[in-house]
Amino acid sequence: MTTITAPQTPLAAKRPSFAASRASQRSPFTEVQEQARQRTLMILATATGILSVTVAASAAVVLGLSA
C-alpha cells in the first residue's frame, strides 16, 4: 500500500505573494490617493448612517402623530 504525505515545506513560502510584491511597487502618491479614498469612504459611511437614523426617527414621529 502506498502512502502519500504532504511536503515538509509549504509551497507558498517559496515565492512572495502577489499582494506583497504589489505593495512594494506602490508610489508615495498612490498611498496618498488610497488614504484620501479611505477617508472619503469613512465620511460617506458616517453621513449615510446619520441620514438613515434621521429618516427612521422622522418616520417614527410621523407614525406616532398619525396614530
PDB file of N, CA and C in Angstrom:
ATOM      1  N   MET A   1       0.836  -1.171   0.000  1.00  0.00           N
ATOM      2  CA  MET A   1       0.000   0.000   0.000  1.00  0.00           C
ATOM      3  C   MET A   1       0.888   1.244   0.000  1.00  0.00           C
ATOM      4  N   THR A   2       0.546   2.227  -0.833  1.00  0.00           N
ATOM      5  CA  THR A   2       1.344   3.439  -0.962  1.00  0.00           C
ATOM      6  C   THR A   2       0.730   4.551  -0.110  1.00  0.00           C
ATOM      7  N   THR A   3       1.590   5.246   0.645  1.00  0.00           N
ATOM      8  CA  THR A   3       1.139   6.349   1.472  1.00  0.00           C
ATOM      9  C   THR A   3       1.609   7.654   0.852  1.00  0.00           C
ATOM     10  N   ILE A   4       0.684   8.590   0.719  1.00  0.00           N
ATOM     11  CA  ILE A   4       1.020   9.894   0.166  1.00  0.00           C
ATOM     12  C   ILE A   4       1.098  10.873   1.327  1.00  0.00           C
ATOM     13  N   THR A   5       2.214  11.585   1.415  1.00  0.00           N
ATOM     14  CA  THR A   5       2.393  12.550   2.504  1.00  0.00           C
ATOM     15  C   THR A   5       2.520  13.951   1.929  1.00  0.00           C
ATOM     16  N   ALA A   6       2.209  14.913   2.732  1.00  0.00           N
ATOM     17  CA  ALA A   6       2.319  16.316   2.327  1.00  0.00           C
ATOM     18  C   ALA A   6       3.789  16.726   2.339  1.00  0.00           C
ATOM     19  N   PRO A   7       4.174  17.649   1.489  1.00  0.00           N
ATOM     20  CA  PRO A   7       5.560  18.125   1.509  1.00  0.00           C
ATOM     21  C   PRO A   7       5.879  18.793   2.849  1.00  0.00           C
ATOM     22  N   GLN A   8       7.145  18.763   3.222  1.00  0.00           N
ATOM     23  CA  GLN A   8       7.562  19.305   4.511  1.00  0.00           C
ATOM     24  C   GLN A   8       7.478  20.825   4.567  1.00  0.00           C
ATOM     25  N   THR A   9       7.736  21.488   3.452  1.00  0.00           N
ATOM     26  CA  THR A   9       7.670  22.952   3.437  1.00  0.00           C
ATOM     27  C   THR A   9       6.471  23.378   2.609  1.00  0.00           C
ATOM     28  N   PRO A  10       5.742  24.378   3.070  1.00  0.00           N
ATOM     29  CA  PRO A  10       4.590  24.836   2.276  1.00  0.00           C
ATOM     30  C   PRO A  10       5.051  25.500   0.988  1.00  0.00           C
ATOM     31  N   LEU A  11       4.263  25.324  -0.053  1.00  0.00           N
ATOM     32  CA  LEU A  11       4.632  25.877  -1.357  1.00  0.00           C
ATOM     33  C   LEU A  11       4.574  27.399  -1.359  1.00  0.00           C
ATOM     34  N   ALA A  12       3.697  27.976  -0.558  1.00  0.00           N
ATOM     35  CA  ALA A  12       3.551  29.430  -0.542  1.00  0.00           C
ATOM     36  C   ALA A  12       4.798  30.134  -0.007  1.00  0.00           C
ATOM     37  N   ALA A  13       5.575  29.459   0.790  1.00  0.00           N
ATOM     38  CA  ALA A  13       6.760  30.084   1.372  1.00  0.00           C
ATOM     39  C   ALA A  13       7.886  30.245   0.350  1.00  0.00           C
ATOM     40  N   LYS A  14       7.804  29.555  -0.774  1.00  0.00           N
ATOM     41  CA  LYS A  14       8.875  29.612  -1.763  1.00  0.00           C
ATOM     42  C   LYS A  14       8.874  30.893  -2.581  1.00  0.00           C
ATOM     43  N   ARG A  15       7.689  31.498  -2.758  1.00  0.00           N
ATOM     44  CA  ARG A  15       7.650  32.734  -3.536  1.00  0.00           C
ATOM     45  C   ARG A  15       6.711  33.725  -2.868  1.00  0.00           C
ATOM     46  N   PRO A  16       7.019  35.009  -2.947  1.00  0.00           N
ATOM     47  CA  PRO A  16       6.204  36.014  -2.256  1.00  0.00           C
ATOM     48  C   PRO A  16       4.815  36.112  -2.881  1.00  0.00           C
ATOM     49  N   SER A  17       3.884  36.512  -2.103  1.00  0.00           N
ATOM     50  CA  SER A  17       2.520  36.643  -2.607  1.00  0.00           C
ATOM     51  C   SER A  17       2.426  37.837  -3.548  1.00  0.00           C
ATOM     52  N   PHE A  18       1.387  37.827  -4.361  1.00  0.00           N
ATOM     53  CA  PHE A  18       1.190  38.906  -5.323  1.00  0.00           C
ATOM     54  C   PHE A  18       0.941  40.225  -4.602  1.00  0.00           C
ATOM     55  N   ALA A  19       0.176  40.200  -3.516  1.00  0.00           N
ATOM     56  CA  ALA A  19      -0.136  41.422  -2.774  1.00  0.00           C
ATOM     57  C   ALA A  19       1.123  42.037  -2.172  1.00  0.00           C
ATOM     58  N   ALA A  20       1.994  41.221  -1.646  1.00  0.00           N
ATOM     59  CA  ALA A  20       3.225  41.737  -1.049  1.00  0.00           C
ATOM     60  C   ALA A  20       4.121  42.352  -2.121  1.00  0.00           C
ATOM     61  N   SER A  21       4.181  41.748  -3.289  1.00  0.00           N
ATOM     62  CA  SER A  21       5.026  42.301  -4.336  1.00  0.00           C
ATOM     63  C   SER A  21       4.427  43.592  -4.890  1.00  0.00           C
ATOM     64  N   ARG A  22       3.092  43.679  -4.933  1.00  0.00           N
ATOM     65  CA  ARG A  22       2.450  44.906  -5.411  1.00  0.00           C
ATOM     66  C   ARG A  22       2.633  46.047  -4.407  1.00  0.00           C
ATOM     67  N   ALA A  23       2.606  45.729  -3.125  1.00  0.00           N
ATOM     68  CA  ALA A  23       2.747  46.767  -2.102  1.00  0.00           C
ATOM     69  C   ALA A  23       4.116  47.429  -2.186  1.00  0.00           C
ATOM     70  N   SER A  24       5.132  46.661  -2.527  1.00  0.00           N
ATOM     71  CA  SER A  24       6.467  47.242  -2.613  1.00  0.00           C
ATOM     72  C   SER A  24       6.630  48.109  -3.858  1.00  0.00           C
ATOM     73  N   GLN A  25       5.737  47.958  -4.842  1.00  0.00           N
ATOM     74  CA  GLN A  25       5.830  48.737  -6.078  1.00  0.00           C
ATOM     75  C   GLN A  25       5.011  50.021  -6.026  1.00  0.00           C
ATOM     76  N   ARG A  26       4.257  50.243  -4.970  1.00  0.00           N
ATOM     77  CA  ARG A  26       3.424  51.437  -4.878  1.00  0.00           C
ATOM     78  C   ARG A  26       4.266  52.695  -4.694  1.00  0.00           C
ATOM     79  N   SER A  27       3.816  53.744  -5.334  1.00  0.00           N
ATOM     80  CA  SER A  27       4.500  55.024  -5.174  1.00  0.00           C
ATOM     81  C   SER A  27       3.879  55.767  -3.988  1.00  0.00           C
ATOM     82  N   PRO A  28       4.598  56.730  -3.435  1.00  0.00           N
ATOM     83  CA  PRO A  28       4.026  57.525  -2.337  1.00  0.00           C
ATOM     84  C   PRO A  28       2.732  58.230  -2.751  1.00  0.00           C
ATOM     85  N   PHE A  29       2.640  58.639  -4.008  1.00  0.00           N
ATOM     86  CA  PHE A  29       1.425  59.290  -4.485  1.00  0.00           C
ATOM     87  C   PHE A  29       0.235  58.342  -4.438  1.00  0.00           C
ATOM     88  N   THR A  30       0.466  57.071  -4.763  1.00  0.00           N
ATOM     89  CA  THR A  30      -0.595  56.075  -4.703  1.00  0.00           C
ATOM     90  C   THR A  30      -1.062  55.885  -3.263  1.00  0.00           C
ATOM     91  N   GLU A  31      -0.142  55.917  -2.321  1.00  0.00           N
ATOM     92  CA  GLU A  31      -0.516  55.795  -0.909  1.00  0.00           C
ATOM     93  C   GLU A  31      -1.381  56.970  -0.470  1.00  0.00           C
ATOM     94  N   VAL A  32      -1.044  58.172  -0.930  1.00  0.00           N
ATOM     95  CA  VAL A  32      -1.835  59.360  -0.593  1.00  0.00           C
ATOM     96  C   VAL A  32      -3.228  59.239  -1.200  1.00  0.00           C
ATOM     97  N   GLN A  33      -3.311  58.774  -2.422  1.00  0.00           N
ATOM     98  CA  GLN A  33      -4.610  58.579  -3.067  1.00  0.00           C
ATOM     99  C   GLN A  33      -5.447  57.561  -2.298  1.00  0.00           C
ATOM    100  N   GLU A  34      -4.824  56.480  -1.862  1.00  0.00           N
ATOM    101  CA  GLU A  34      -5.539  55.433  -1.120  1.00  0.00           C
ATOM    102  C   GLU A  34      -6.041  55.969   0.219  1.00  0.00           C
ATOM    103  N   GLN A  35      -5.236  56.770   0.893  1.00  0.00           N
ATOM    104  CA  GLN A  35      -5.673  57.370   2.165  1.00  0.00           C
ATOM    105  C   GLN A  35      -6.841  58.319   1.938  1.00  0.00           C
ATOM    106  N   ALA A  36      -6.799  59.097   0.878  1.00  0.00           N
ATOM    107  CA  ALA A  36      -7.896  60.012   0.566  1.00  0.00           C
ATOM    108  C   ALA A  36      -9.169  59.233   0.250  1.00  0.00           C
ATOM    109  N   ARG A  37      -9.012  58.145  -0.462  1.00  0.00           N
ATOM    110  CA  ARG A  37     -10.167  57.293  -0.791  1.00  0.00           C
ATOM    111  C   ARG A  37     -10.776  56.704   0.466  1.00  0.00           C
ATOM    112  N   GLN A  38      -9.930  56.210   1.368  1.00  0.00           N
ATOM    113  CA  GLN A  38     -10.421  55.639   2.622  1.00  0.00           C
ATOM    114  C   GLN A  38     -11.123  56.701   3.462  1.00  0.00           C
ATOM    115  N   ARG A  39     -10.561  57.890   3.519  1.00  0.00           N
ATOM    116  CA  ARG A  39     -11.171  58.986   4.280  1.00  0.00           C
ATOM    117  C   ARG A  39     -12.538  59.341   3.700  1.00  0.00           C
ATOM    118  N   THR A  40     -12.640  59.404   2.364  1.00  0.00           N
ATOM    119  CA  THR A  40     -13.911  59.698   1.704  1.00  0.00           C
ATOM    120  C   THR A  40     -14.942  58.626   2.015  1.00  0.00           C
ATOM    121  N   LEU A  41     -14.525  57.369   1.968  1.00  0.00           N
ATOM    122  CA  LEU A  41     -15.448  56.273   2.277  1.00  0.00           C
ATOM    123  C   LEU A  41     -15.937  56.349   3.718  1.00  0.00           C
ATOM    124  N   MET A  42     -15.059  56.696   4.659  1.00  0.00           N
ATOM    125  CA  MET A  42     -15.466  56.805   6.062  1.00  0.00           C
ATOM    126  C   MET A  42     -16.460  57.951   6.248  1.00  0.00           C
ATOM    127  N   ILE A  43     -16.218  59.086   5.583  1.00  0.00           N
ATOM    128  CA  ILE A  43     -17.130  60.223   5.687  1.00  0.00           C
ATOM    129  C   ILE A  43     -18.491  59.871   5.092  1.00  0.00           C
ATOM    130  N   LEU A  44     -18.490  59.210   3.943  1.00  0.00           N
ATOM    131  CA  LEU A  44     -19.749  58.814   3.320  1.00  0.00           C
ATOM    132  C   LEU A  44     -20.509  57.799   4.173  1.00  0.00           C
ATOM    133  N   ALA A  45     -19.797  56.867   4.784  1.00  0.00           N
ATOM    134  CA  ALA A  45     -20.452  55.888   5.644  1.00  0.00           C
ATOM    135  C   ALA A  45     -21.083  56.570   6.859  1.00  0.00           C
ATOM    136  N   THR A  46     -20.386  57.523   7.437  1.00  0.00           N
ATOM    137  CA  THR A  46     -20.918  58.258   8.584  1.00  0.00           C
ATOM    138  C   THR A  46     -22.141  59.077   8.178  1.00  0.00           C
ATOM    139  N   ALA A  47     -22.060  59.764   7.055  1.00  0.00           N
ATOM    140  CA  ALA A  47     -23.183  60.570   6.581  1.00  0.00           C
ATOM    141  C   ALA A  47     -24.391  59.696   6.270  1.00  0.00           C
ATOM    142  N   THR A  48     -24.162  58.543   5.674  1.00  0.00           N
ATOM    143  CA  THR A  48     -25.251  57.624   5.368  1.00  0.00           C
ATOM    144  C   THR A  48     -25.901  57.119   6.648  1.00  0.00           C
ATOM    145  N   GLY A  49     -25.099  56.806   7.655  1.00  0.00           N
ATOM    146  CA  GLY A  49     -25.638  56.361   8.938  1.00  0.00           C
ATOM    147  C   GLY A  49     -26.462  57.434   9.607  1.00  0.00           C
ATOM    148  N   ILE A  50     -25.978  58.665   9.607  1.00  0.00           N
ATOM    149  CA  ILE A  50     -26.723  59.781  10.214  1.00  0.00           C
ATOM    150  C   ILE A  50     -28.032  59.996   9.470  1.00  0.00           C
ATOM    151  N   LEU A  51     -27.981  59.955   8.150  1.00  0.00           N
ATOM    152  CA  LEU A  51     -29.182  60.149   7.344  1.00  0.00           C
ATOM    153  C   LEU A  51     -30.211  59.052   7.608  1.00  0.00           C
ATOM    154  N   SER A  52     -29.773  57.812   7.693  1.00  0.00           N
ATOM    155  CA  SER A  52     -30.726  56.722   7.916  1.00  0.00           C
ATOM    156  C   SER A  52     -31.367  56.817   9.299  1.00  0.00           C
ATOM    157  N   VAL A  53     -30.612  57.214  10.307  1.00  0.00           N
ATOM    158  CA  VAL A  53     -31.183  57.392  11.645  1.00  0.00           C
ATOM    159  C   VAL A  53     -32.174  58.551  11.647  1.00  0.00           C
ATOM    160  N   THR A  54     -31.849  59.622  10.959  1.00  0.00           N
ATOM    161  CA  THR A  54     -32.749  60.775  10.872  1.00  0.00           C
ATOM    162  C   THR A  54     -34.054  60.392  10.185  1.00  0.00           C
ATOM    163  N   VAL A  55     -33.975  59.651   9.097  1.00  0.00           N
ATOM    164  CA  VAL A  55     -35.176  59.217   8.375  1.00  0.00           C
ATOM    165  C   VAL A  55     -36.009  58.295   9.252  1.00  0.00           C
ATOM    166  N   ALA A  56     -35.373  57.374   9.956  1.00  0.00           N
ATOM    167  CA  ALA A  56     -36.108  56.457  10.830  1.00  0.00           C
ATOM    168  C   ALA A  56     -36.794  57.216  11.967  1.00  0.00           C
ATOM    169  N   ALA A  57     -36.110  58.203  12.542  1.00  0.00           N
ATOM    170  CA  ALA A  57     -36.705  58.998  13.619  1.00  0.00           C
ATOM    171  C   ALA A  57     -37.866  59.828  13.091  1.00  0.00           C
ATOM    172  N   SER A  58     -37.717  60.396  11.911  1.00  0.00           N
ATOM    173  CA  SER A  58     -38.805  61.174  11.320  1.00  0.00           C
ATOM    174  C   SER A  58     -40.018  60.307  11.054  1.00  0.00           C
ATOM    175  N   ALA A  59     -39.787  59.129  10.530  1.00  0.00           N
ATOM    176  CA  ALA A  59     -40.886  58.194  10.257  1.00  0.00           C
ATOM    177  C   ALA A  59     -41.578  57.799  11.558  1.00  0.00           C
ATOM    178  N   ALA A  60     -40.817  57.598  12.608  1.00  0.00           N
ATOM    179  CA  ALA A  60     -41.400  57.241  13.902  1.00  0.00           C
ATOM    180  C   ALA A  60     -42.260  58.377  14.431  1.00  0.00           C
ATOM    181  N   VAL A  61     -41.804  59.622  14.278  1.00  0.00           N
ATOM    182  CA  VAL A  61     -42.570  60.787  14.733  1.00  0.00           C
ATOM    183  C   VAL A  61     -43.851  60.909  13.927  1.00  0.00           C
ATOM    184  N   VAL A  62     -43.752  60.788  12.607  1.00  0.00           N
ATOM    185  CA  VAL A  62     -44.944  60.905  11.744  1.00  0.00           C
ATOM    186  C   VAL A  62     -45.938  59.803  12.080  1.00  0.00           C
ATOM    187  N   LEU A  63     -45.474  58.589  12.246  1.00  0.00           N
ATOM    188  CA  LEU A  63     -46.374  57.484  12.590  1.00  0.00           C
ATOM    189  C   LEU A  63     -46.968  57.682  13.988  1.00  0.00           C
ATOM    190  N   GLY A  64     -46.191  58.231  14.880  1.00  0.00           N
ATOM    191  CA  GLY A  64     -46.683  58.474  16.237  1.00  0.00           C
ATOM    192  C   GLY A  64     -47.744  59.567  16.253  1.00  0.00           C
ATOM    193  N   LEU A  65     -47.568  60.584  15.443  1.00  0.00           N
ATOM    194  CA  LEU A  65     -48.553  61.669  15.399  1.00  0.00           C
ATOM    195  C   LEU A  65     -49.835  61.260  14.703  1.00  0.00           C
ATOM    196  N   SER A  66     -49.712  60.368  13.742  1.00  0.00           N
ATOM    197  CA  SER A  66     -50.900  59.949  12.981  1.00  0.00           C
ATOM    198  C   SER A  66     -51.704  58.890  13.726  1.00  0.00           C
ATOM    199  N   ALA A  67     -51.140  58.280  14.729  1.00  0.00           N
ATOM    200  CA  ALA A  67     -51.851  57.206  15.452  1.00  0.00           C
ATOM    201  C   ALA A  67     -52.801  57.767  16.486  1.00  0.00           C
TER     202      ALA A  67
END
